[in-house]
Amino acid sequence: MPTPLLRPLVRRHIETLRVRFRSPRAQQSRRNQTSSSNPNPNRPNPPPKATAKTEDPIPVPNTVAPLPFWQRLGPLTHAGQAYARAQRARPWATQLASSLFIYLCADISAQRMGKVGGGDGEHDLQRTGRSLVIGGVAAIPGYTWFMFLSRSFNYPSRLLSIGVKVAINQLCFTPIFNSYFFGAQALLSGDSLADTWERIMKTVPVSFVNSCKLWPAVTAFSFAFVPIEYRSIFAGVVAVGWQTYLSFLNREAEMEEASEKAAAGVKPAAAVKPVELGRRKERITA
C-alpha cells in the first residue's frame, strides 16, 4: 500500500500515462480542431475578403411630361392663363366681354374692307352699335350651347363623340345663329318684317355653305385638343375673321337692297349715303 505521501505522485503519473496512450483518432481530432481555430496563434487572422464593388446605377432622366406648346409661349401663355382664371371665376361676365370685343373687332375690320372696296371713308358708328348689341345678346346663349355640347354626346369612341358634336353644331346652331345675326341686323336698321325675311333668305344659305368650309374643322380641333377653359378664346380668335365675313356679307345685302329700292323710287330704311350708293351702282353695272 502506498503511503499517503506517495498517493498524489501515483495519481499524477497515472494521468500522464493516460494522456500519452490515448487513441490516435482522438489526438488527431484535437489537432484538427486546434488547427482550424487558429493554425498559427502568433499570426493575426487575415482581413475578410472584400466583396465585389457594385456599380453606380445609370442616372435616368425625369419622366415628367413636357408642357404643351401653347403653355410655352411666354406672354401669350400668361395672358391665356389669366383668361382661363377669369373664365372659371366669372364665366358669363367673361363671355360677355369677349363677345363684345370680338364683334367690335369684326365690325371695324368689315368696315375697313368696305372702304377698300370703294365704300365711304367715314366710320359708321350706328353699324358698330348694332353689332355690339347683337354680340352681347348672343354671348350667353352661345356659351351655354357649347358647354352643353362639351358635356353631352360622349361615347366610348372619341372619334364618334367629336363627329356627332360637330354634326349637331353645324346642323342646329349654325343656321339658327346666322338667321339671328342677319335678322337682327335688318330689324335694328329699321327694316320691316318682310324685308328682314328677305335679308335672311339671301344671306343665310350662302353663309351656311361657307361655314361648312371652316367651322367643322375648327370645332373638331377644339373638342379634340383644346382644354375646356381655353375653347372660348380659341373660337374667339377664329370668330373675329368669321364675324368680319358676316358683317361684310350683311353690308353687301344692305347695299343691294338699297340699290333696288333706289331704282324703284323707295327710300331705304337703313340710310345709305349717296356717294356710297353711286359707287355700288357703278360696281353692279361694271
Foldseek 3Di string as FASTA:
>chain_A
DDDPVCVVVVVVVVVVVCVVPPDPVVVVVVVVVVCVVPVDVVDDDDDDDDDDDDDDDDDDDDPDDDDDPCCPPPPSNVVLVVLLVCCVVPVQVSQLVLLLVLLLLLLVLLVVVVVVVPADPDDDVLLNVLSSVLSNVVRVVVVVVVVVLLVPQDDPDPVRSLVVSLVCCLVPVLLVSLLSSQLSSCVSLPHDPVVSVVSSVVPSVVLSVVVVVPPSVLSSCCSPPNDPSCSSVSVSVVSSVVSNVSSNSSVVVVLVVCLVCVVVVHHDSRDGDPSRNVVVVVVVVD
